[in-house]
PDB file of all heavy atoms in Angstrom:
ATOM      1  N   GLU A   1      -3.473  -6.623   7.298  1.00  0.00           N
ATOM      2  CA  GLU A   1      -3.491  -6.590   8.764  1.00  0.00           C
ATOM      3  C   GLU A   1      -2.980  -5.294   9.321  1.00  0.00           C
ATOM      4  O   GLU A   1      -3.655  -4.727  10.245  1.00  0.00           O
ATOM      5  CB  GLU A   1      -2.620  -7.796   9.347  1.00  0.00           C
ATOM      6  CG  GLU A   1      -2.663  -7.887  10.914  1.00  0.00           C
ATOM      7  CD  GLU A   1      -1.753  -8.904  11.412  1.00  0.00           C
ATOM      8  OE1 GLU A   1      -1.281  -9.660  10.594  1.00  0.00           O
ATOM      9  OE2 GLU A   1      -1.576  -9.022  12.608  1.00  0.00           O
ATOM     10  N   ILE A   2      -2.007  -4.777   8.810  1.00  0.00           N
ATOM     11  CA  ILE A   2      -1.427  -3.466   9.191  1.00  0.00           C
ATOM     12  C   ILE A   2      -2.490  -2.281   8.975  1.00  0.00           C
ATOM     13  O   ILE A   2      -2.752  -1.409   9.839  1.00  0.00           O
ATOM     14  CB  ILE A   2      -0.168  -3.096   8.476  1.00  0.00           C
ATOM     15  CG1 ILE A   2       1.040  -4.007   9.010  1.00  0.00           C
ATOM     16  CG2 ILE A   2       0.250  -1.630   8.717  1.00  0.00           C
ATOM     17  CD1 ILE A   2       2.225  -3.858   8.149  1.00  0.00           C
ATOM     18  N   ILE A   3      -3.108  -2.277   7.767  1.00  0.00           N
ATOM     19  CA  ILE A   3      -4.089  -1.264   7.427  1.00  0.00           C
ATOM     20  C   ILE A   3      -5.302  -1.351   8.384  1.00  0.00           C
ATOM     21  O   ILE A   3      -5.810  -0.351   8.854  1.00  0.00           O
ATOM     22  CB  ILE A   3      -4.428  -1.382   5.872  1.00  0.00           C
ATOM     23  CG1 ILE A   3      -3.260  -0.974   5.092  1.00  0.00           C
ATOM     24  CG2 ILE A   3      -5.572  -0.456   5.642  1.00  0.00           C
ATOM     25  CD1 ILE A   3      -3.422  -1.398   3.635  1.00  0.00           C
ATOM     26  N   ARG A   4      -5.836  -2.614   8.522  1.00  0.00           N
ATOM     27  CA  ARG A   4      -7.025  -2.745   9.344  1.00  0.00           C
ATOM     28  C   ARG A   4      -6.764  -2.413  10.838  1.00  0.00           C
ATOM     29  O   ARG A   4      -7.601  -1.786  11.496  1.00  0.00           O
ATOM     30  CB  ARG A   4      -7.477  -4.227   9.288  1.00  0.00           C
ATOM     31  CG  ARG A   4      -7.854  -4.735   7.864  1.00  0.00           C
ATOM     32  CD  ARG A   4      -9.085  -4.059   7.264  1.00  0.00           C
ATOM     33  NE  ARG A   4      -9.499  -4.749   6.082  1.00  0.00           N
ATOM     34  CZ  ARG A   4     -10.096  -4.098   5.088  1.00  0.00           C
ATOM     35  NH1 ARG A   4     -10.356  -2.790   5.156  1.00  0.00           N
ATOM     36  NH2 ARG A   4     -10.499  -4.772   3.969  1.00  0.00           N
ATOM     37  N   LYS A   5      -5.560  -2.757  11.313  1.00  0.00           N
ATOM     38  CA  LYS A   5      -5.284  -2.576  12.700  1.00  0.00           C
ATOM     39  C   LYS A   5      -4.859  -1.199  13.075  1.00  0.00           C
ATOM     40  O   LYS A   5      -5.323  -0.555  14.125  1.00  0.00           O
ATOM     41  CB  LYS A   5      -4.155  -3.568  13.210  1.00  0.00           C
ATOM     42  CG  LYS A   5      -3.816  -3.432  14.758  1.00  0.00           C
ATOM     43  CD  LYS A   5      -2.761  -4.570  15.127  1.00  0.00           C
ATOM     44  CE  LYS A   5      -2.502  -4.485  16.517  1.00  0.00           C
ATOM     45  NZ  LYS A   5      -1.558  -5.540  16.964  1.00  0.00           N
ATOM     46  N   TYR A   6      -4.131  -0.529  12.189  1.00  0.00           N
ATOM     47  CA  TYR A   6      -3.440   0.804  12.526  1.00  0.00           C
ATOM     48  C   TYR A   6      -4.038   1.975  11.704  1.00  0.00           C
ATOM     49  O   TYR A   6      -3.824   3.113  12.164  1.00  0.00           O
ATOM     50  CB  TYR A   6      -1.953   0.675  12.309  1.00  0.00           C
ATOM     51  CG  TYR A   6      -1.235  -0.330  13.224  1.00  0.00           C
ATOM     52  CD1 TYR A   6      -0.773  -1.428  12.813  1.00  0.00           C
ATOM     53  CD2 TYR A   6      -1.112   0.026  14.666  1.00  0.00           C
ATOM     54  CE1 TYR A   6      -0.182  -2.436  13.675  1.00  0.00           C
ATOM     55  CE2 TYR A   6      -0.539  -0.823  15.530  1.00  0.00           C
ATOM     56  CZ  TYR A   6      -0.060  -2.044  14.996  1.00  0.00           C
ATOM     57  OH  TYR A   6       0.563  -2.925  15.945  1.00  0.00           O
ATOM     58  N   ASN A   7      -4.776   1.697  10.641  1.00  0.00           N
ATOM     59  CA  ASN A   7      -5.273   2.865   9.862  1.00  0.00           C
ATOM     60  C   ASN A   7      -4.278   3.951   9.607  1.00  0.00           C
ATOM     61  O   ASN A   7      -4.503   5.184   9.756  1.00  0.00           O
ATOM     62  CB  ASN A   7      -6.439   3.499  10.651  1.00  0.00           C
ATOM     63  CG  ASN A   7      -7.293   4.377   9.811  1.00  0.00           C
ATOM     64  OD1 ASN A   7      -7.674   4.144   8.732  1.00  0.00           O
ATOM     65  ND2 ASN A   7      -7.608   5.499  10.423  1.00  0.00           N
ATOM     66  N   PRO A   8      -3.073   3.585   8.930  1.00  0.00           N
ATOM     67  CA  PRO A   8      -2.082   4.594   8.752  1.00  0.00           C
ATOM     68  C   PRO A   8      -2.532   5.636   7.616  1.00  0.00           C
ATOM     69  O   PRO A   8      -3.356   5.332   6.799  1.00  0.00           O
ATOM     70  CB  PRO A   8      -0.903   3.790   8.200  1.00  0.00           C
ATOM     71  CG  PRO A   8      -1.465   2.488   7.694  1.00  0.00           C
ATOM     72  CD  PRO A   8      -2.648   2.301   8.551  1.00  0.00           C
ATOM     73  N   GLY A   9      -1.947   6.877   7.818  1.00  0.00           N
ATOM     74  CA  GLY A   9      -2.261   7.891   6.866  1.00  0.00           C
ATOM     75  C   GLY A   9      -1.519   7.833   5.566  1.00  0.00           C
ATOM     76  O   GLY A   9      -1.918   8.414   4.586  1.00  0.00           O
ATOM     77  N   GLY A  10      -0.330   7.100   5.570  1.00  0.00           N
ATOM     78  CA  GLY A  10       0.443   7.054   4.333  1.00  0.00           C
ATOM     79  C   GLY A  10       1.452   5.960   4.417  1.00  0.00           C
ATOM     80  O   GLY A  10       1.574   5.373   5.474  1.00  0.00           O
ATOM     81  N   MET A  11       2.004   5.663   3.194  1.00  0.00           N
ATOM     82  CA  MET A  11       3.036   4.676   3.259  1.00  0.00           C
ATOM     83  C   MET A  11       4.153   5.102   2.139  1.00  0.00           C
ATOM     84  O   MET A  11       3.743   5.936   1.190  1.00  0.00           O
ATOM     85  CB  MET A  11       2.551   3.318   2.752  1.00  0.00           C
ATOM     86  CG  MET A  11       2.076   2.482   3.935  1.00  0.00           C
ATOM     87  SD  MET A  11       1.871   0.688   3.437  1.00  0.00           S
ATOM     88  CE  MET A  11       1.192   0.107   4.911  1.00  0.00           C
ATOM     89  N   MET A  12       5.302   4.615   2.256  1.00  0.00           N
ATOM     90  CA  MET A  12       6.410   4.966   1.306  1.00  0.00           C
ATOM     91  C   MET A  12       7.166   3.751   1.037  1.00  0.00           C
ATOM     92  O   MET A  12       7.722   3.117   1.972  1.00  0.00           O
ATOM     93  CB  MET A  12       7.301   6.004   1.815  1.00  0.00           C
ATOM     94  CG  MET A  12       8.485   6.263   0.878  1.00  0.00           C
ATOM     95  SD  MET A  12       9.710   7.408   1.583  1.00  0.00           S
ATOM     96  CE  MET A  12      11.145   7.083   0.398  1.00  0.00           C
ATOM     97  N   TYR A  13       7.167   3.261  -0.222  1.00  0.00           N
ATOM     98  CA  TYR A  13       8.019   2.175  -0.665  1.00  0.00           C
ATOM     99  C   TYR A  13       9.282   2.680  -1.325  1.00  0.00           C
ATOM    100  O   TYR A  13       9.288   3.803  -1.890  1.00  0.00           O
ATOM    101  CB  TYR A  13       7.226   1.208  -1.601  1.00  0.00           C
ATOM    102  CG  TYR A  13       6.318   0.262  -0.940  1.00  0.00           C
ATOM    103  CD1 TYR A  13       5.144   0.599  -0.280  1.00  0.00           C
ATOM    104  CD2 TYR A  13       6.831  -1.046  -0.676  1.00  0.00           C
ATOM    105  CE1 TYR A  13       4.469  -0.308   0.381  1.00  0.00           C
ATOM    106  CE2 TYR A  13       6.067  -1.948  -0.018  1.00  0.00           C
ATOM    107  CZ  TYR A  13       4.866  -1.652   0.517  1.00  0.00           C
ATOM    108  OH  TYR A  13       4.069  -2.499   1.157  1.00  0.00           O
ATOM    109  N   ARG A  14      10.325   1.875  -1.249  1.00  0.00           N
ATOM    110  CA  ARG A  14      11.525   2.100  -1.983  1.00  0.00           C
ATOM    111  C   ARG A  14      11.352   1.596  -3.389  1.00  0.00           C
ATOM    112  O   ARG A  14      10.481   0.811  -3.773  1.00  0.00           O
ATOM    113  CB  ARG A  14      12.724   1.376  -1.356  1.00  0.00           C
ATOM    114  CG  ARG A  14      12.927   1.835   0.095  1.00  0.00           C
ATOM    115  CD  ARG A  14      13.292   3.296   0.223  1.00  0.00           C
ATOM    116  NE  ARG A  14      13.561   3.701   1.600  1.00  0.00           N
ATOM    117  CZ  ARG A  14      13.937   4.921   1.992  1.00  0.00           C
ATOM    118  NH1 ARG A  14      14.117   5.843   1.034  1.00  0.00           N
ATOM    119  NH2 ARG A  14      14.116   5.223   3.267  1.00  0.00           N
ATOM    120  N   PRO A  15      12.227   2.020  -4.360  1.00  0.00           N
ATOM    121  CA  PRO A  15      12.059   1.653  -5.758  1.00  0.00           C
ATOM    122  C   PRO A  15      12.081   0.064  -5.920  1.00  0.00           C
ATOM    123  O   PRO A  15      12.928  -0.618  -5.354  1.00  0.00           O
ATOM    124  CB  PRO A  15      13.241   2.291  -6.469  1.00  0.00           C
ATOM    125  CG  PRO A  15      13.638   3.460  -5.594  1.00  0.00           C
ATOM    126  CD  PRO A  15      13.327   2.944  -4.173  1.00  0.00           C
ATOM    127  N   SER A  16      11.247  -0.297  -6.827  1.00  0.00           N
ATOM    128  CA  SER A  16      11.156  -1.750  -7.237  1.00  0.00           C
ATOM    129  C   SER A  16      10.607  -1.774  -8.693  1.00  0.00           C
ATOM    130  O   SER A  16      10.308  -0.771  -9.323  1.00  0.00           O
ATOM    131  CB  SER A  16      10.276  -2.498  -6.224  1.00  0.00           C
ATOM    132  OG  SER A  16      10.374  -3.864  -6.543  1.00  0.00           O
ATOM    133  N   GLU A  17      10.314  -3.030  -9.063  1.00  0.00           N
ATOM    134  CA  GLU A  17       9.692  -3.107 -10.482  1.00  0.00           C
ATOM    135  C   GLU A  17       8.399  -2.360 -10.472  1.00  0.00           C
ATOM    136  O   GLU A  17       7.568  -2.503  -9.632  1.00  0.00           O
ATOM    137  CB  GLU A  17       9.548  -4.629 -10.859  1.00  0.00           C
ATOM    138  CG  GLU A  17      10.874  -5.345 -11.001  1.00  0.00           C
ATOM    139  CD  GLU A  17      11.508  -5.770  -9.639  1.00  0.00           C
ATOM    140  OE1 GLU A  17      10.847  -5.617  -8.652  1.00  0.00           O
ATOM    141  OE2 GLU A  17      12.700  -6.181  -9.750  1.00  0.00           O
ATOM    142  N   SER A  18       8.156  -1.652 -11.516  1.00  0.00           N
ATOM    143  CA  SER A  18       7.030  -0.754 -11.582  1.00  0.00           C
ATOM    144  C   SER A  18       5.754  -1.569 -11.400  1.00  0.00           C
ATOM    145  O   SER A  18       4.835  -1.084 -10.756  1.00  0.00           O
ATOM    146  CB  SER A  18       6.979   0.088 -12.892  1.00  0.00           C
ATOM    147  OG  SER A  18       7.042  -0.741 -13.974  1.00  0.00           O
ATOM    148  N   GLU A  19       5.537  -2.603 -12.060  1.00  0.00           N
ATOM    149  CA  GLU A  19       4.333  -3.401 -12.046  1.00  0.00           C
ATOM    150  C   GLU A  19       4.114  -3.926 -10.591  1.00  0.00           C
ATOM    151  O   GLU A  19       2.914  -3.984 -10.109  1.00  0.00           O
ATOM    152  CB  GLU A  19       4.323  -4.620 -12.997  1.00  0.00           C
ATOM    153  CG  GLU A  19       4.038  -4.083 -14.424  1.00  0.00           C
ATOM    154  CD  GLU A  19       3.718  -5.358 -15.356  1.00  0.00           C
ATOM    155  OE1 GLU A  19       3.208  -6.379 -14.839  1.00  0.00           O
ATOM    156  OE2 GLU A  19       3.787  -5.139 -16.575  1.00  0.00           O
ATOM    157  N   LYS A  20       5.201  -4.292  -9.944  1.00  0.00           N
ATOM    158  CA  LYS A  20       5.039  -4.763  -8.563  1.00  0.00           C
ATOM    159  C   LYS A  20       4.630  -3.644  -7.638  1.00  0.00           C
ATOM    160  O   LYS A  20       3.711  -3.744  -6.855  1.00  0.00           O
ATOM    161  CB  LYS A  20       6.386  -5.406  -8.061  1.00  0.00           C
ATOM    162  CG  LYS A  20       6.364  -5.850  -6.602  1.00  0.00           C
ATOM    163  CD  LYS A  20       7.716  -6.314  -6.289  1.00  0.00           C
ATOM    164  CE  LYS A  20       7.751  -6.881  -4.866  1.00  0.00           C
ATOM    165  NZ  LYS A  20       9.083  -7.394  -4.403  1.00  0.00           N
ATOM    166  N   ILE A  21       5.255  -2.533  -7.768  1.00  0.00           N
ATOM    167  CA  ILE A  21       4.864  -1.346  -7.048  1.00  0.00           C
ATOM    168  C   ILE A  21       3.455  -0.899  -7.171  1.00  0.00           C
ATOM    169  O   ILE A  21       2.647  -0.657  -6.364  1.00  0.00           O
ATOM    170  CB  ILE A  21       5.808  -0.137  -7.210  1.00  0.00           C
ATOM    171  CG1 ILE A  21       7.167  -0.455  -6.537  1.00  0.00           C
ATOM    172  CG2 ILE A  21       5.270   1.183  -6.613  1.00  0.00           C
ATOM    173  CD1 ILE A  21       7.247  -0.413  -5.095  1.00  0.00           C
ATOM    174  N   TYR A  22       3.068  -0.900  -8.454  1.00  0.00           N
ATOM    175  CA  TYR A  22       1.703  -0.621  -8.868  1.00  0.00           C
ATOM    176  C   TYR A  22       0.734  -1.536  -8.231  1.00  0.00           C
ATOM    177  O   TYR A  22      -0.322  -1.095  -7.615  1.00  0.00           O
ATOM    178  CB  TYR A  22       1.496  -0.749 -10.407  1.00  0.00           C
ATOM    179  CG  TYR A  22       0.118  -0.435 -10.881  1.00  0.00           C
ATOM    180  CD1 TYR A  22      -0.214   0.819 -11.392  1.00  0.00           C
ATOM    181  CD2 TYR A  22      -0.859  -1.426 -10.963  1.00  0.00           C
ATOM    182  CE1 TYR A  22      -1.534   1.112 -11.861  1.00  0.00           C
ATOM    183  CE2 TYR A  22      -2.144  -1.159 -11.446  1.00  0.00           C
ATOM    184  CZ  TYR A  22      -2.446   0.056 -11.911  1.00  0.00           C
ATOM    185  OH  TYR A  22      -3.710   0.344 -12.282  1.00  0.00           O
ATOM    186  N   GLY A  23       0.963  -2.797  -8.138  1.00  0.00           N
ATOM    187  CA  GLY A  23       0.029  -3.812  -7.576  1.00  0.00           C
ATOM    188  C   GLY A  23      -0.027  -3.574  -6.048  1.00  0.00           C
ATOM    189  O   GLY A  23      -1.115  -3.732  -5.434  1.00  0.00           O
ATOM    190  N   ILE A  24       1.035  -3.214  -5.466  1.00  0.00           N
ATOM    191  CA  ILE A  24       1.118  -3.045  -3.980  1.00  0.00           C
ATOM    192  C   ILE A  24       0.251  -1.738  -3.678  1.00  0.00           C
ATOM    193  O   ILE A  24      -0.599  -1.693  -2.798  1.00  0.00           O
ATOM    194  CB  ILE A  24       2.567  -2.875  -3.439  1.00  0.00           C
ATOM    195  CG1 ILE A  24       3.272  -4.200  -3.475  1.00  0.00           C
ATOM    196  CG2 ILE A  24       2.512  -2.316  -2.007  1.00  0.00           C
ATOM    197  CD1 ILE A  24       4.673  -4.132  -3.192  1.00  0.00           C
ATOM    198  N   HIS A  25       0.487  -0.657  -4.454  1.00  0.00           N
ATOM    199  CA  HIS A  25      -0.256   0.575  -4.151  1.00  0.00           C
ATOM    200  C   HIS A  25      -1.718   0.393  -4.385  1.00  0.00           C
ATOM    201  O   HIS A  25      -2.504   0.978  -3.595  1.00  0.00           O
ATOM    202  CB  HIS A  25       0.237   1.676  -5.145  1.00  0.00           C
ATOM    203  CG  HIS A  25       1.622   2.147  -4.720  1.00  0.00           C
ATOM    204  ND1 HIS A  25       2.358   3.076  -5.449  1.00  0.00           N
ATOM    205  CD2 HIS A  25       2.246   2.123  -3.560  1.00  0.00           C
ATOM    206  CE1 HIS A  25       3.434   3.519  -4.795  1.00  0.00           C
ATOM    207  NE2 HIS A  25       3.455   2.906  -3.657  1.00  0.00           N
ATOM    208  N   LYS A  26      -2.092  -0.323  -5.496  1.00  0.00           N
ATOM    209  CA  LYS A  26      -3.523  -0.605  -5.767  1.00  0.00           C
ATOM    210  C   LYS A  26      -4.149  -1.314  -4.622  1.00  0.00           C
ATOM    211  O   LYS A  26      -5.258  -0.975  -4.110  1.00  0.00           O
ATOM    212  CB  LYS A  26      -3.651  -1.399  -7.028  1.00  0.00           C
ATOM    213  CG  LYS A  26      -5.149  -1.516  -7.463  1.00  0.00           C
ATOM    214  CD  LYS A  26      -5.359  -2.282  -8.784  1.00  0.00           C
ATOM    215  CE  LYS A  26      -6.707  -2.157  -9.253  1.00  0.00           C
ATOM    216  NZ  LYS A  26      -7.752  -2.677  -8.282  1.00  0.00           N
ATOM    217  N   PHE A  27      -3.458  -2.347  -4.034  1.00  0.00           N
ATOM    218  CA  PHE A  27      -4.045  -3.105  -2.891  1.00  0.00           C
ATOM    219  C   PHE A  27      -4.152  -2.197  -1.733  1.00  0.00           C
ATOM    220  O   PHE A  27      -5.234  -2.255  -1.037  1.00  0.00           O
ATOM    221  CB  PHE A  27      -3.100  -4.276  -2.565  1.00  0.00           C
ATOM    222  CG  PHE A  27      -3.653  -5.185  -1.318  1.00  0.00           C
ATOM    223  CD1 PHE A  27      -4.555  -6.086  -1.564  1.00  0.00           C
ATOM    224  CD2 PHE A  27      -3.163  -4.889  -0.116  1.00  0.00           C
ATOM    225  CE1 PHE A  27      -5.061  -6.731  -0.493  1.00  0.00           C
ATOM    226  CE2 PHE A  27      -3.606  -5.575   0.981  1.00  0.00           C
ATOM    227  CZ  PHE A  27      -4.555  -6.578   0.842  1.00  0.00           C
ATOM    228  N   ILE A  28      -3.145  -1.376  -1.423  1.00  0.00           N
ATOM    229  CA  ILE A  28      -3.211  -0.363  -0.313  1.00  0.00           C
ATOM    230  C   ILE A  28      -4.401   0.520  -0.459  1.00  0.00           C
ATOM    231  O   ILE A  28      -5.266   0.603   0.484  1.00  0.00           O
ATOM    232  CB  ILE A  28      -1.907   0.392  -0.243  1.00  0.00           C
ATOM    233  CG1 ILE A  28      -0.787  -0.521   0.270  1.00  0.00           C
ATOM    234  CG2 ILE A  28      -2.132   1.559   0.708  1.00  0.00           C
ATOM    235  CD1 ILE A  28       0.579   0.136   0.202  1.00  0.00           C
ATOM    236  N   GLN A  29      -4.601   1.103  -1.569  1.00  0.00           N
ATOM    237  CA  GLN A  29      -5.760   1.992  -1.809  1.00  0.00           C
ATOM    238  C   GLN A  29      -7.105   1.285  -1.786  1.00  0.00           C
ATOM    239  O   GLN A  29      -8.102   1.828  -1.271  1.00  0.00           O
ATOM    240  CB  GLN A  29      -5.577   2.873  -3.069  1.00  0.00           C
ATOM    241  CG  GLN A  29      -4.314   3.794  -3.130  1.00  0.00           C
ATOM    242  CD  GLN A  29      -4.402   4.856  -2.141  1.00  0.00           C
ATOM    243  OE1 GLN A  29      -5.023   4.850  -1.034  1.00  0.00           O
ATOM    244  NE2 GLN A  29      -3.832   6.051  -2.523  1.00  0.00           N
ATOM    245  N   ASP A  30      -7.205   0.097  -2.304  1.00  0.00           N
ATOM    246  CA  ASP A  30      -8.430  -0.665  -2.235  1.00  0.00           C
ATOM    247  C   ASP A  30      -8.711  -1.117  -0.856  1.00  0.00           C
ATOM    248  O   ASP A  30      -9.965  -1.222  -0.473  1.00  0.00           O
ATOM    249  CB  ASP A  30      -8.216  -1.917  -3.135  1.00  0.00           C
ATOM    250  CG  ASP A  30      -8.258  -1.565  -4.586  1.00  0.00           C
ATOM    251  OD1 ASP A  30      -8.621  -0.456  -4.984  1.00  0.00           O
ATOM    252  OD2 ASP A  30      -7.959  -2.517  -5.427  1.00  0.00           O
ATOM    253  N   THR A  31      -7.705  -1.324   0.023  1.00  0.00           N
ATOM    254  CA  THR A  31      -8.016  -1.889   1.316  1.00  0.00           C
ATOM    255  C   THR A  31      -8.263  -0.861   2.349  1.00  0.00           C
ATOM    256  O   THR A  31      -9.012  -0.990   3.284  1.00  0.00           O
ATOM    257  CB  THR A  31      -6.712  -2.767   1.774  1.00  0.00           C
ATOM    258  OG1 THR A  31      -6.421  -3.686   0.809  1.00  0.00           O
ATOM    259  CG2 THR A  31      -6.971  -3.386   3.148  1.00  0.00           C
ATOM    260  N   SER A  32      -7.669   0.401   2.232  1.00  0.00           N
ATOM    261  CA  SER A  32      -7.779   1.426   3.206  1.00  0.00           C
ATOM    262  C   SER A  32      -9.119   2.159   3.085  1.00  0.00           C
ATOM    263  O   SER A  32      -9.499   2.615   1.978  1.00  0.00           O
ATOM    264  CB  SER A  32      -6.676   2.397   2.952  1.00  0.00           C
ATOM    265  OG  SER A  32      -6.690   3.486   4.041  1.00  0.00           O
ATOM    266  N   ALA A  33      -9.824   2.336   4.115  1.00  0.00           N
ATOM    267  CA  ALA A  33     -11.066   3.098   4.100  1.00  0.00           C
ATOM    268  C   ALA A  33     -10.910   4.535   3.775  1.00  0.00           C
ATOM    269  O   ALA A  33     -11.683   5.088   3.008  1.00  0.00           O
ATOM    270  CB  ALA A  33     -11.779   2.990   5.398  1.00  0.00           C
TER     271      ALA A  33
END
């Protein structure tokens, strides 16, 4: 919803489990035009 509505240029996450961060980053890149 955030990506579709606001079209942000970037994001920054704080440290977390690497697989979890990887999954979030993949979703972000797959979703953002």
